[in-house]
Amino acid sequence: MWIVELALKRAHTFIVMALAIIIFGVLSLKQMAVDIFPIIDVPIVSAIFTYTGMSPANIENLITTVTERWLTSTVNGIEKIESTSISGMSIIKVYLHKGTDIGEAVAMVTAMGNAVMEYLPPAITPPFVTVSSATDVPVIQLGINSKTMSEAELFDVANNFVRNQLATIQGATIPFSLWGQIQTGHGRPGPQSTCGFRCLGQRCGQCY
């Protein structure tokens, strides 16, 4: 074949080319970034609402659905929206189109979260807004148990002590503790403390 004849006639040229490929290959291998997933420019903005004591069904109907409607009409560049409603918490993930200005999207989601408060249950706090990427995956899942502490006490320890210590690790993003039981107190308000909406002793931010 002609390539073999060329290599035999110009042996020194092919030797130099082979050495150059080996040298540059080794240098490129040492400088190559190592990651589990490739870099995907698909930003995600998450809004997390918390309302202690509310059931998942009410969370979905009163918080998640209302917020999703506001997001679709106020935030630009939305590709899709995913939401999760659990006991006392609503997690809404807004997937943006590739190349969308993430700073502008965060500002719009934050402004929407403050504006929608008027249409959500009373005494709810503004959402916690975070930014992530499609390639972000959890690197560790930590669970705690005890033979002497109740589920509610374990939840308090995980959320108020363990979570705060892990948050000091550089580059770590610590989510809110899940699947625990939140400590609650029960009380019966008197007639003078009930609001004009006839809350009948239920949790109402205007009664206290």
N, C-alpha and C. Protein backbone atom coordinates (compact mmCIF):
# COMPACT_ATOMS: atom_id res chain seq x y z
N MET A 1 0.84 -1.20 0.00
CA MET A 1 0.00 0.00 0.00
C MET A 1 0.88 1.25 0.00
N TRP A 2 0.29 2.34 -0.49
CA TRP A 2 1.09 3.55 -0.63
C TRP A 2 1.53 4.13 0.69
N ILE A 3 0.70 3.98 1.75
CA ILE A 3 1.08 4.55 3.04
C ILE A 3 2.27 3.80 3.65
N VAL A 4 2.34 2.49 3.38
CA VAL A 4 3.48 1.71 3.87
C VAL A 4 4.75 2.11 3.13
N GLU A 5 4.63 2.28 1.81
CA GLU A 5 5.80 2.70 1.03
C GLU A 5 6.27 4.08 1.47
N LEU A 6 5.32 4.99 1.76
CA LEU A 6 5.70 6.33 2.23
C LEU A 6 6.38 6.27 3.58
N ALA A 7 5.91 5.40 4.48
CA ALA A 7 6.53 5.28 5.79
C ALA A 7 7.94 4.73 5.68
N LEU A 8 8.16 3.80 4.74
CA LEU A 8 9.50 3.25 4.57
C LEU A 8 10.45 4.27 3.97
N LYS A 9 9.95 5.11 3.07
CA LYS A 9 10.80 6.11 2.44
C LYS A 9 11.11 7.26 3.39
N ARG A 10 10.15 7.63 4.22
CA ARG A 10 10.32 8.76 5.16
C ARG A 10 10.18 8.25 6.59
N ALA A 11 11.07 7.36 6.98
CA ALA A 11 10.99 6.73 8.30
C ALA A 11 11.16 7.73 9.44
N HIS A 12 12.09 8.66 9.25
CA HIS A 12 12.35 9.63 10.32
C HIS A 12 11.13 10.52 10.57
N THR A 13 10.44 10.90 9.52
CA THR A 13 9.25 11.75 9.68
C THR A 13 8.17 11.04 10.48
N PHE A 14 7.93 9.76 10.19
CA PHE A 14 6.90 9.02 10.90
C PHE A 14 7.30 8.73 12.34
N ILE A 15 8.59 8.57 12.57
CA ILE A 15 9.05 8.36 13.96
C ILE A 15 8.81 9.61 14.80
N VAL A 16 9.13 10.78 14.22
CA VAL A 16 8.90 12.05 14.94
C VAL A 16 7.41 12.26 15.19
N MET A 17 6.58 11.96 14.21
CA MET A 17 5.13 12.11 14.39
C MET A 17 4.61 11.19 15.49
N ALA A 18 5.10 9.96 15.53
CA ALA A 18 4.66 9.02 16.57
C ALA A 18 5.08 9.49 17.95
N LEU A 19 6.32 9.99 18.06
CA LEU A 19 6.77 10.51 19.36
C LEU A 19 5.97 11.73 19.79
N ALA A 20 5.64 12.61 18.83
CA ALA A 20 4.86 13.80 19.16
C ALA A 20 3.46 13.41 19.65
N ILE A 21 2.85 12.42 19.01
CA ILE A 21 1.52 11.97 19.45
C ILE A 21 1.58 11.40 20.85
N ILE A 22 2.63 10.62 21.16
CA ILE A 22 2.76 10.05 22.50
C ILE A 22 2.95 11.13 23.55
N ILE A 23 3.84 12.11 23.27
CA ILE A 23 4.12 13.16 24.24
C ILE A 23 2.89 14.02 24.51
N PHE A 24 2.26 14.49 23.43
CA PHE A 24 1.07 15.34 23.61
C PHE A 24 -0.09 14.54 24.21
N GLY A 25 -0.17 13.27 23.93
CA GLY A 25 -1.22 12.45 24.52
C GLY A 25 -1.07 12.31 26.02
N VAL A 26 0.17 12.11 26.48
CA VAL A 26 0.43 12.00 27.91
C VAL A 26 0.14 13.32 28.62
N LEU A 27 0.59 14.45 28.00
CA LEU A 27 0.33 15.76 28.61
C LEU A 27 -1.16 16.06 28.68
N SER A 28 -1.89 15.74 27.64
CA SER A 28 -3.34 15.98 27.64
C SER A 28 -4.05 15.12 28.67
N LEU A 29 -3.58 13.89 28.84
CA LEU A 29 -4.19 12.99 29.81
C LEU A 29 -4.01 13.50 31.24
N LYS A 30 -2.84 14.08 31.53
CA LYS A 30 -2.60 14.59 32.87
C LYS A 30 -3.40 15.85 33.16
N GLN A 31 -3.67 16.67 32.13
CA GLN A 31 -4.39 17.93 32.33
C GLN A 31 -5.89 17.79 32.13
N MET A 32 -6.36 16.62 31.77
CA MET A 32 -7.77 16.43 31.49
C MET A 32 -8.57 16.43 32.80
N ALA A 33 -9.68 17.17 32.80
CA ALA A 33 -10.55 17.21 33.98
C ALA A 33 -11.33 15.91 34.09
N VAL A 34 -11.47 15.44 35.33
CA VAL A 34 -12.17 14.18 35.58
C VAL A 34 -13.48 14.49 36.28
N ASP A 35 -14.59 13.99 35.73
CA ASP A 35 -15.89 14.19 36.32
C ASP A 35 -16.78 13.00 35.97
N ILE A 36 -17.76 12.76 36.84
CA ILE A 36 -18.67 11.65 36.59
C ILE A 36 -19.53 11.93 35.37
N PHE A 37 -20.04 13.17 35.29
CA PHE A 37 -20.90 13.56 34.18
C PHE A 37 -20.27 14.72 33.43
N PRO A 38 -20.54 14.85 32.17
CA PRO A 38 -20.05 16.02 31.42
C PRO A 38 -20.77 17.28 31.87
N ILE A 39 -20.19 18.43 31.55
CA ILE A 39 -20.80 19.70 31.91
C ILE A 39 -21.99 19.97 30.99
N ILE A 40 -23.15 20.12 31.58
CA ILE A 40 -24.38 20.39 30.84
C ILE A 40 -24.92 21.74 31.29
N ASP A 41 -25.00 22.67 30.36
CA ASP A 41 -25.43 24.02 30.69
C ASP A 41 -26.96 24.10 30.71
N VAL A 42 -27.56 23.40 31.68
CA VAL A 42 -29.01 23.44 31.88
C VAL A 42 -29.25 23.87 33.33
N PRO A 43 -29.36 25.17 33.59
CA PRO A 43 -29.52 25.63 34.98
C PRO A 43 -30.88 25.27 35.54
N ILE A 44 -30.91 25.06 36.85
CA ILE A 44 -32.13 24.72 37.57
C ILE A 44 -32.26 25.65 38.76
N VAL A 45 -33.41 26.27 38.90
CA VAL A 45 -33.70 27.12 40.05
C VAL A 45 -34.78 26.43 40.86
N SER A 46 -34.51 26.22 42.15
CA SER A 46 -35.45 25.52 43.03
C SER A 46 -36.01 26.49 44.06
N ALA A 47 -37.31 26.40 44.28
CA ALA A 47 -37.99 27.18 45.31
C ALA A 47 -38.60 26.22 46.32
N ILE A 48 -38.23 26.38 47.59
CA ILE A 48 -38.66 25.46 48.64
C ILE A 48 -39.52 26.23 49.64
N PHE A 49 -40.79 25.85 49.74
CA PHE A 49 -41.71 26.42 50.72
C PHE A 49 -41.86 25.45 51.89
N THR A 50 -41.93 25.97 53.09
CA THR A 50 -42.15 25.14 54.28
C THR A 50 -43.38 25.66 55.03
N TYR A 51 -44.20 24.73 55.46
CA TYR A 51 -45.39 25.06 56.25
C TYR A 51 -45.63 23.89 57.21
N THR A 52 -45.15 24.04 58.42
CA THR A 52 -45.14 22.95 59.38
C THR A 52 -46.55 22.46 59.70
N GLY A 53 -46.72 21.13 59.62
CA GLY A 53 -47.98 20.52 60.01
C GLY A 53 -48.98 20.31 58.91
N MET A 54 -48.75 20.84 57.72
CA MET A 54 -49.71 20.69 56.63
C MET A 54 -49.49 19.37 55.91
N SER A 55 -50.55 18.71 55.53
CA SER A 55 -50.47 17.41 54.87
C SER A 55 -49.99 17.57 53.43
N PRO A 56 -49.45 16.51 52.83
CA PRO A 56 -48.99 16.60 51.43
C PRO A 56 -50.09 17.02 50.46
N ALA A 57 -51.32 16.54 50.67
CA ALA A 57 -52.42 16.90 49.76
C ALA A 57 -52.71 18.41 49.82
N ASN A 58 -52.73 18.98 51.02
CA ASN A 58 -52.95 20.42 51.14
C ASN A 58 -51.77 21.22 50.63
N ILE A 59 -50.56 20.69 50.85
CA ILE A 59 -49.37 21.35 50.31
C ILE A 59 -49.47 21.46 48.79
N GLU A 60 -49.90 20.38 48.15
CA GLU A 60 -50.00 20.38 46.69
C GLU A 60 -51.09 21.34 46.20
N ASN A 61 -52.24 21.31 46.85
CA ASN A 61 -53.37 22.10 46.37
C ASN A 61 -53.23 23.58 46.70
N LEU A 62 -52.73 23.90 47.89
CA LEU A 62 -52.72 25.28 48.36
C LEU A 62 -51.42 26.01 48.08
N ILE A 63 -50.32 25.28 47.89
CA ILE A 63 -49.02 25.95 47.71
C ILE A 63 -48.41 25.61 46.35
N THR A 64 -48.22 24.31 46.07
CA THR A 64 -47.50 23.91 44.87
C THR A 64 -48.23 24.34 43.60
N THR A 65 -49.51 24.03 43.50
CA THR A 65 -50.27 24.36 42.29
C THR A 65 -50.34 25.86 42.05
N VAL A 66 -50.58 26.62 43.11
CA VAL A 66 -50.67 28.08 42.98
C VAL A 66 -49.32 28.65 42.53
N THR A 67 -48.24 28.17 43.13
CA THR A 67 -46.92 28.69 42.78
C THR A 67 -46.54 28.33 41.35
N GLU A 68 -46.85 27.13 40.89
CA GLU A 68 -46.53 26.75 39.53
C GLU A 68 -47.23 27.65 38.51
N ARG A 69 -48.47 28.02 38.78
CA ARG A 69 -49.18 28.92 37.88
C ARG A 69 -48.50 30.28 37.81
N TRP A 70 -48.04 30.76 38.96
CA TRP A 70 -47.34 32.04 38.96
C TRP A 70 -46.00 31.95 38.24
N LEU A 71 -45.31 30.84 38.40
CA LEU A 71 -44.00 30.69 37.75
C LEU A 71 -44.14 30.73 36.22
N THR A 72 -45.12 30.03 35.69
CA THR A 72 -45.27 29.96 34.24
C THR A 72 -45.63 31.31 33.62
N SER A 73 -46.16 32.21 34.42
CA SER A 73 -46.57 33.51 33.87
C SER A 73 -45.60 34.64 34.19
N THR A 74 -44.60 34.39 35.02
CA THR A 74 -43.68 35.47 35.42
C THR A 74 -42.22 35.20 35.09
N VAL A 75 -41.80 33.95 34.99
CA VAL A 75 -40.39 33.62 34.78
C VAL A 75 -40.16 33.28 33.31
N ASN A 76 -39.11 33.85 32.72
CA ASN A 76 -38.79 33.62 31.32
C ASN A 76 -37.83 32.44 31.16
N GLY A 77 -37.90 31.79 30.01
CA GLY A 77 -36.94 30.73 29.68
C GLY A 77 -37.20 29.40 30.35
N ILE A 78 -38.44 29.13 30.76
CA ILE A 78 -38.75 27.87 31.43
C ILE A 78 -38.87 26.75 30.40
N GLU A 79 -38.15 25.65 30.64
CA GLU A 79 -38.28 24.47 29.80
C GLU A 79 -39.32 23.50 30.37
N LYS A 80 -39.24 23.26 31.67
CA LYS A 80 -40.22 22.42 32.34
C LYS A 80 -40.16 22.68 33.84
N ILE A 81 -41.20 22.24 34.54
CA ILE A 81 -41.28 22.42 35.99
C ILE A 81 -41.57 21.07 36.63
N GLU A 82 -40.80 20.73 37.65
CA GLU A 82 -41.03 19.52 38.43
C GLU A 82 -41.27 19.92 39.88
N SER A 83 -42.20 19.27 40.53
CA SER A 83 -42.52 19.63 41.91
C SER A 83 -42.74 18.37 42.75
N THR A 84 -42.44 18.51 44.03
CA THR A 84 -42.64 17.44 45.00
C THR A 84 -43.32 18.03 46.23
N SER A 85 -44.42 17.43 46.63
CA SER A 85 -45.16 17.89 47.81
C SER A 85 -45.10 16.81 48.88
N ILE A 86 -44.47 17.14 50.00
CA ILE A 86 -44.38 16.23 51.12
C ILE A 86 -44.95 16.92 52.35
N SER A 87 -44.99 16.24 53.45
CA SER A 87 -45.57 16.79 54.67
C SER A 87 -44.80 18.04 55.11
N GLY A 88 -45.46 19.17 55.07
CA GLY A 88 -44.87 20.42 55.54
C GLY A 88 -43.91 21.07 54.58
N MET A 89 -43.79 20.60 53.35
CA MET A 89 -42.78 21.16 52.45
C MET A 89 -43.21 20.99 51.00
N SER A 90 -42.95 22.03 50.20
CA SER A 90 -43.18 22.01 48.76
C SER A 90 -41.87 22.35 48.06
N ILE A 91 -41.40 21.44 47.20
CA ILE A 91 -40.14 21.62 46.48
C ILE A 91 -40.47 21.75 44.99
N ILE A 92 -40.18 22.90 44.41
CA ILE A 92 -40.49 23.18 43.02
C ILE A 92 -39.18 23.45 42.28
N LYS A 93 -38.90 22.65 41.24
CA LYS A 93 -37.69 22.80 40.42
C LYS A 93 -38.08 23.36 39.06
N VAL A 94 -37.44 24.46 38.70
CA VAL A 94 -37.68 25.12 37.42
C VAL A 94 -36.48 24.86 36.52
N TYR A 95 -36.67 24.06 35.47
CA TYR A 95 -35.61 23.78 34.50
C TYR A 95 -35.65 24.84 33.42
N LEU A 96 -34.53 25.50 33.20
CA LEU A 96 -34.45 26.59 32.23
C LEU A 96 -33.80 26.11 30.94
N HIS A 97 -34.10 26.83 29.86
CA HIS A 97 -33.48 26.51 28.58
C HIS A 97 -31.98 26.80 28.63
N LYS A 98 -31.23 26.09 27.81
CA LYS A 98 -29.78 26.25 27.77
C LYS A 98 -29.42 27.68 27.39
N GLY A 99 -28.51 28.25 28.18
CA GLY A 99 -28.06 29.61 27.91
C GLY A 99 -28.87 30.69 28.58
N THR A 100 -29.91 30.34 29.34
CA THR A 100 -30.72 31.34 30.04
C THR A 100 -29.91 32.02 31.13
N ASP A 101 -30.10 33.32 31.28
CA ASP A 101 -29.39 34.08 32.31
C ASP A 101 -29.85 33.60 33.68
N ILE A 102 -28.97 32.90 34.40
CA ILE A 102 -29.35 32.30 35.68
C ILE A 102 -29.59 33.37 36.74
N GLY A 103 -28.83 34.46 36.70
CA GLY A 103 -29.02 35.53 37.68
C GLY A 103 -30.38 36.18 37.55
N GLU A 104 -30.80 36.41 36.32
CA GLU A 104 -32.11 37.00 36.09
C GLU A 104 -33.22 36.04 36.52
N ALA A 105 -33.02 34.74 36.25
CA ALA A 105 -34.03 33.75 36.62
C ALA A 105 -34.18 33.67 38.14
N VAL A 106 -33.07 33.69 38.86
CA VAL A 106 -33.13 33.65 40.33
C VAL A 106 -33.85 34.87 40.87
N ALA A 107 -33.56 36.04 40.30
CA ALA A 107 -34.22 37.26 40.76
C ALA A 107 -35.72 37.20 40.50
N MET A 108 -36.12 36.66 39.35
CA MET A 108 -37.54 36.57 39.02
C MET A 108 -38.25 35.57 39.92
N VAL A 109 -37.61 34.42 40.20
CA VAL A 109 -38.22 33.43 41.09
C VAL A 109 -38.35 33.99 42.51
N THR A 110 -37.33 34.70 42.97
CA THR A 110 -37.39 35.30 44.31
C THR A 110 -38.49 36.34 44.40
N ALA A 111 -38.60 37.19 43.36
CA ALA A 111 -39.66 38.19 43.36
C ALA A 111 -41.04 37.55 43.29
N MET A 112 -41.16 36.48 42.49
CA MET A 112 -42.44 35.76 42.42
C MET A 112 -42.80 35.16 43.76
N GLY A 113 -41.79 34.57 44.47
CA GLY A 113 -42.05 33.96 45.77
C GLY A 113 -42.57 34.95 46.78
N ASN A 114 -42.08 36.19 46.71
CA ASN A 114 -42.58 37.22 47.63
C ASN A 114 -43.96 37.72 47.22
N ALA A 115 -44.21 37.77 45.92
CA ALA A 115 -45.50 38.29 45.45
C ALA A 115 -46.64 37.30 45.68
N VAL A 116 -46.34 36.00 45.57
CA VAL A 116 -47.39 34.98 45.69
C VAL A 116 -47.79 34.72 47.14
N MET A 117 -47.06 35.30 48.08
CA MET A 117 -47.35 35.06 49.49
C MET A 117 -48.78 35.44 49.87
N GLU A 118 -49.33 36.45 49.20
CA GLU A 118 -50.67 36.92 49.52
C GLU A 118 -51.72 35.87 49.19
N TYR A 119 -51.42 34.96 48.27
CA TYR A 119 -52.39 33.97 47.83
C TYR A 119 -52.14 32.59 48.44
N LEU A 120 -51.17 32.48 49.32
CA LEU A 120 -50.85 31.22 49.98
C LEU A 120 -51.42 31.22 51.40
N PRO A 121 -51.39 30.08 52.09
CA PRO A 121 -51.92 30.03 53.46
C PRO A 121 -51.25 31.06 54.36
N PRO A 122 -51.97 31.56 55.35
CA PRO A 122 -51.42 32.60 56.24
C PRO A 122 -50.23 32.08 57.04
N ALA A 123 -49.35 33.02 57.38
CA ALA A 123 -48.17 32.76 58.21
C ALA A 123 -47.10 31.93 57.51
N ILE A 124 -47.21 31.68 56.21
CA ILE A 124 -46.16 30.96 55.50
C ILE A 124 -44.97 31.89 55.26
N THR A 125 -43.78 31.35 55.26
CA THR A 125 -42.56 32.14 55.08
C THR A 125 -42.17 32.17 53.61
N PRO A 126 -41.39 33.16 53.17
CA PRO A 126 -40.94 33.21 51.78
C PRO A 126 -40.12 31.98 51.41
N PRO A 127 -40.08 31.62 50.14
CA PRO A 127 -39.38 30.39 49.74
C PRO A 127 -37.88 30.54 49.82
N PHE A 128 -37.22 29.40 50.00
CA PHE A 128 -35.76 29.33 49.97
C PHE A 128 -35.36 28.98 48.54
N VAL A 129 -34.69 29.90 47.84
CA VAL A 129 -34.36 29.75 46.43
C VAL A 129 -32.91 29.33 46.29
N THR A 130 -32.67 28.24 45.56
CA THR A 130 -31.33 27.73 45.33
C THR A 130 -31.10 27.53 43.84
N VAL A 131 -29.83 27.44 43.45
CA VAL A 131 -29.44 27.22 42.06
C VAL A 131 -28.64 25.94 41.97
N SER A 132 -28.93 25.12 40.98
CA SER A 132 -28.20 23.88 40.76
C SER A 132 -28.07 23.64 39.27
N SER A 133 -27.48 22.51 38.92
CA SER A 133 -27.28 22.15 37.52
C SER A 133 -27.82 20.75 37.29
N ALA A 134 -28.02 20.42 36.01
CA ALA A 134 -28.54 19.10 35.67
C ALA A 134 -27.56 17.99 36.03
N THR A 135 -26.28 18.34 36.19
CA THR A 135 -25.27 17.33 36.51
C THR A 135 -25.02 17.19 38.00
N ASP A 136 -25.68 18.01 38.82
CA ASP A 136 -25.49 17.91 40.27
C ASP A 136 -26.20 16.68 40.80
N VAL A 137 -25.47 15.83 41.48
CA VAL A 137 -26.03 14.63 42.08
C VAL A 137 -25.56 14.53 43.53
N PRO A 138 -26.36 13.96 44.42
CA PRO A 138 -25.92 13.79 45.81
C PRO A 138 -24.71 12.85 45.89
N VAL A 139 -23.72 13.23 46.66
CA VAL A 139 -22.53 12.39 46.81
C VAL A 139 -22.60 11.55 48.08
N ILE A 140 -23.49 11.90 48.99
CA ILE A 140 -23.61 11.12 50.22
C ILE A 140 -25.02 11.32 50.78
N GLN A 141 -25.55 10.28 51.33
CA GLN A 141 -26.86 10.32 51.99
C GLN A 141 -26.67 9.82 53.42
N LEU A 142 -26.95 10.69 54.37
CA LEU A 142 -26.70 10.41 55.78
C LEU A 142 -28.00 10.18 56.51
N GLY A 143 -28.05 9.09 57.24
CA GLY A 143 -29.21 8.79 58.07
C GLY A 143 -28.78 8.55 59.51
N ILE A 144 -29.60 8.96 60.45
CA ILE A 144 -29.28 8.79 61.87
C ILE A 144 -30.42 8.03 62.54
N ASN A 145 -30.07 7.26 63.55
CA ASN A 145 -31.08 6.53 64.31
C ASN A 145 -30.67 6.49 65.77
N SER A 146 -31.59 6.14 66.61
CA SER A 146 -31.34 6.08 68.04
C SER A 146 -32.35 5.15 68.69
N LYS A 147 -31.92 4.48 69.74
CA LYS A 147 -32.79 3.59 70.50
C LYS A 147 -33.48 4.30 71.65
N THR A 148 -33.03 5.51 71.96
CA THR A 148 -33.59 6.24 73.09
C THR A 148 -34.34 7.50 72.69
N MET A 149 -34.06 8.06 71.51
CA MET A 149 -34.68 9.31 71.09
C MET A 149 -35.85 9.03 70.15
N SER A 150 -36.85 9.89 70.21
CA SER A 150 -38.01 9.74 69.34
C SER A 150 -37.67 10.25 67.94
N GLU A 151 -38.60 10.01 67.00
CA GLU A 151 -38.37 10.45 65.62
C GLU A 151 -38.31 11.96 65.53
N ALA A 152 -39.14 12.64 66.30
CA ALA A 152 -39.13 14.10 66.29
C ALA A 152 -37.83 14.64 66.87
N GLU A 153 -37.31 14.01 67.92
CA GLU A 153 -36.03 14.46 68.50
C GLU A 153 -34.88 14.22 67.54
N LEU A 154 -34.90 13.10 66.82
CA LEU A 154 -33.86 12.84 65.82
C LEU A 154 -33.91 13.87 64.70
N PHE A 155 -35.11 14.25 64.31
CA PHE A 155 -35.25 15.26 63.26
C PHE A 155 -34.65 16.59 63.71
N ASP A 156 -34.88 16.98 64.96
CA ASP A 156 -34.31 18.22 65.48
C ASP A 156 -32.79 18.16 65.51
N VAL A 157 -32.23 17.01 65.93
CA VAL A 157 -30.77 16.87 65.97
C VAL A 157 -30.18 16.96 64.57
N ALA A 158 -30.80 16.26 63.60
CA ALA A 158 -30.28 16.26 62.24
C ALA A 158 -30.38 17.64 61.61
N ASN A 159 -31.47 18.34 61.83
CA ASN A 159 -31.70 19.61 61.16
C ASN A 159 -30.97 20.77 61.82
N ASN A 160 -30.84 20.74 63.14
CA ASN A 160 -30.29 21.89 63.87
C ASN A 160 -28.82 21.73 64.25
N PHE A 161 -28.30 20.51 64.25
CA PHE A 161 -26.92 20.31 64.68
C PHE A 161 -26.08 19.65 63.58
N VAL A 162 -26.49 18.47 63.12
CA VAL A 162 -25.69 17.77 62.10
C VAL A 162 -25.64 18.56 60.80
N ARG A 163 -26.77 19.07 60.37
CA ARG A 163 -26.83 19.82 59.12
C ARG A 163 -25.96 21.07 59.17
N ASN A 164 -25.93 21.76 60.30
CA ASN A 164 -25.12 22.98 60.41
C ASN A 164 -23.63 22.67 60.35
N GLN A 165 -23.22 21.55 60.91
CA GLN A 165 -21.80 21.19 60.87
C GLN A 165 -21.36 20.79 59.46
N LEU A 166 -22.23 20.09 58.72
CA LEU A 166 -21.88 19.70 57.36
C LEU A 166 -21.87 20.89 56.41
N ALA A 167 -22.62 21.93 56.74
CA ALA A 167 -22.70 23.10 55.86
C ALA A 167 -21.38 23.86 55.78
N THR A 168 -20.48 23.66 56.73
CA THR A 168 -19.19 24.37 56.71
C THR A 168 -18.19 23.75 55.75
N ILE A 169 -18.50 22.59 55.18
CA ILE A 169 -17.60 21.95 54.22
C ILE A 169 -17.61 22.74 52.92
N GLN A 170 -16.43 23.03 52.39
CA GLN A 170 -16.33 23.84 51.18
C GLN A 170 -16.97 23.12 49.99
N GLY A 171 -17.82 23.86 49.30
CA GLY A 171 -18.47 23.33 48.11
C GLY A 171 -19.68 22.46 48.38
N ALA A 172 -20.04 22.27 49.65
CA ALA A 172 -21.18 21.40 49.98
C ALA A 172 -22.47 22.20 50.01
N THR A 173 -23.52 21.60 49.49
CA THR A 173 -24.86 22.17 49.56
C THR A 173 -25.73 21.20 50.35
N ILE A 174 -26.16 21.61 51.52
CA ILE A 174 -26.88 20.73 52.42
C ILE A 174 -28.37 21.03 52.33
N PRO A 175 -29.18 20.10 51.84
CA PRO A 175 -30.63 20.34 51.76
C PRO A 175 -31.28 20.21 53.12
N PHE A 176 -32.55 20.58 53.17
CA PHE A 176 -33.33 20.45 54.40
C PHE A 176 -33.54 18.98 54.72
N SER A 177 -33.54 18.65 56.00
CA SER A 177 -33.72 17.26 56.42
C SER A 177 -35.11 16.77 56.04
N LEU A 178 -35.16 15.54 55.51
CA LEU A 178 -36.41 14.99 55.02
C LEU A 178 -36.79 13.73 55.79
N TRP A 179 -38.03 13.34 55.62
CA TRP A 179 -38.57 12.08 56.13
C TRP A 179 -38.49 11.97 57.65
N GLY A 180 -38.55 13.10 58.31
CA GLY A 180 -38.58 13.09 59.77
C GLY A 180 -39.90 13.62 60.28
N GLN A 181 -40.07 13.54 61.57
CA GLN A 181 -41.29 14.04 62.20
C GLN A 181 -40.97 15.31 62.96
N ILE A 182 -41.66 16.37 62.61
CA ILE A 182 -41.41 17.67 63.22
C ILE A 182 -42.17 17.76 64.54
N GLN A 183 -41.49 18.26 65.57
CA GLN A 183 -42.14 18.42 66.87
C GLN A 183 -43.19 19.52 66.78
N THR A 184 -44.34 19.24 67.29
CA THR A 184 -45.43 20.20 67.27
C THR A 184 -46.03 20.31 68.66
N GLY A 185 -46.64 21.43 68.92
CA GLY A 185 -47.33 21.65 70.17
C GLY A 185 -48.80 21.92 69.91
N HIS A 186 -49.64 21.59 70.84
CA HIS A 186 -51.08 21.75 70.67
C HIS A 186 -51.60 22.71 71.74
N GLY A 187 -52.46 23.58 71.30
CA GLY A 187 -53.08 24.53 72.22
C GLY A 187 -54.46 24.91 71.73
N ARG A 188 -55.29 25.37 72.63
CA ARG A 188 -56.65 25.77 72.26
C ARG A 188 -56.80 27.26 72.54
N PRO A 189 -56.90 28.09 71.49
CA PRO A 189 -57.03 29.53 71.71
C PRO A 189 -58.41 29.87 72.27
N GLY A 190 -58.44 30.90 73.07
CA GLY A 190 -59.71 31.34 73.63
C GLY A 190 -60.53 32.11 72.63
N PRO A 191 -61.78 32.44 72.98
CA PRO A 191 -62.65 33.17 72.04
C PRO A 191 -62.07 34.51 71.65
N GLN A 192 -61.32 35.14 72.57
CA GLN A 192 -60.79 36.46 72.27
C GLN A 192 -59.62 36.40 71.29
N SER A 193 -59.05 35.20 71.05
CA SER A 193 -57.88 35.11 70.17
C SER A 193 -58.21 34.63 68.77
N THR A 194 -59.47 34.25 68.53
CA THR A 194 -59.83 33.78 67.21
C THR A 194 -60.03 34.95 66.28
N CYS A 195 -59.75 34.72 65.01
CA CYS A 195 -59.83 35.80 64.03
C CYS A 195 -61.24 35.88 63.45
N GLY A 196 -61.43 36.81 62.55
CA GLY A 196 -62.74 36.99 61.96
C GLY A 196 -63.06 35.98 60.87
N PHE A 197 -62.16 35.05 60.58
CA PHE A 197 -62.39 34.07 59.53
C PHE A 197 -62.89 32.74 60.06
N ARG A 198 -63.24 32.68 61.37
CA ARG A 198 -63.79 31.48 61.99
C ARG A 198 -62.85 30.28 61.77
N CYS A 199 -61.62 30.45 62.23
CA CYS A 199 -60.65 29.37 62.04
C CYS A 199 -60.90 28.21 63.00
N LEU A 200 -61.71 28.40 64.02
CA LEU A 200 -62.12 27.32 64.93
C LEU A 200 -60.93 26.62 65.57
N GLY A 201 -59.95 27.40 65.96
CA GLY A 201 -58.83 26.83 66.68
C GLY A 201 -57.77 26.22 65.80
N GLN A 202 -57.93 26.20 64.49
CA GLN A 202 -56.91 25.65 63.62
C GLN A 202 -55.76 26.64 63.51
N ARG A 203 -54.66 26.16 62.91
CA ARG A 203 -53.49 27.03 62.79
C ARG A 203 -53.82 28.21 61.88
N CYS A 204 -53.68 29.39 62.39
CA CYS A 204 -53.98 30.58 61.62
C CYS A 204 -53.05 31.68 62.07
N GLY A 205 -52.34 32.30 61.18
CA GLY A 205 -51.37 33.31 61.54
C GLY A 205 -51.99 34.58 62.05
N GLN A 206 -53.28 34.80 61.84
CA GLN A 206 -53.90 36.02 62.29
C GLN A 206 -54.50 35.89 63.70
N CYS A 207 -54.38 34.69 64.29
CA CYS A 207 -54.95 34.47 65.62
C CYS A 207 -53.96 34.77 66.73
N TYR A 208 -52.67 34.87 66.41
CA TYR A 208 -51.65 34.94 67.45
C TYR A 208 -50.84 36.20 67.34
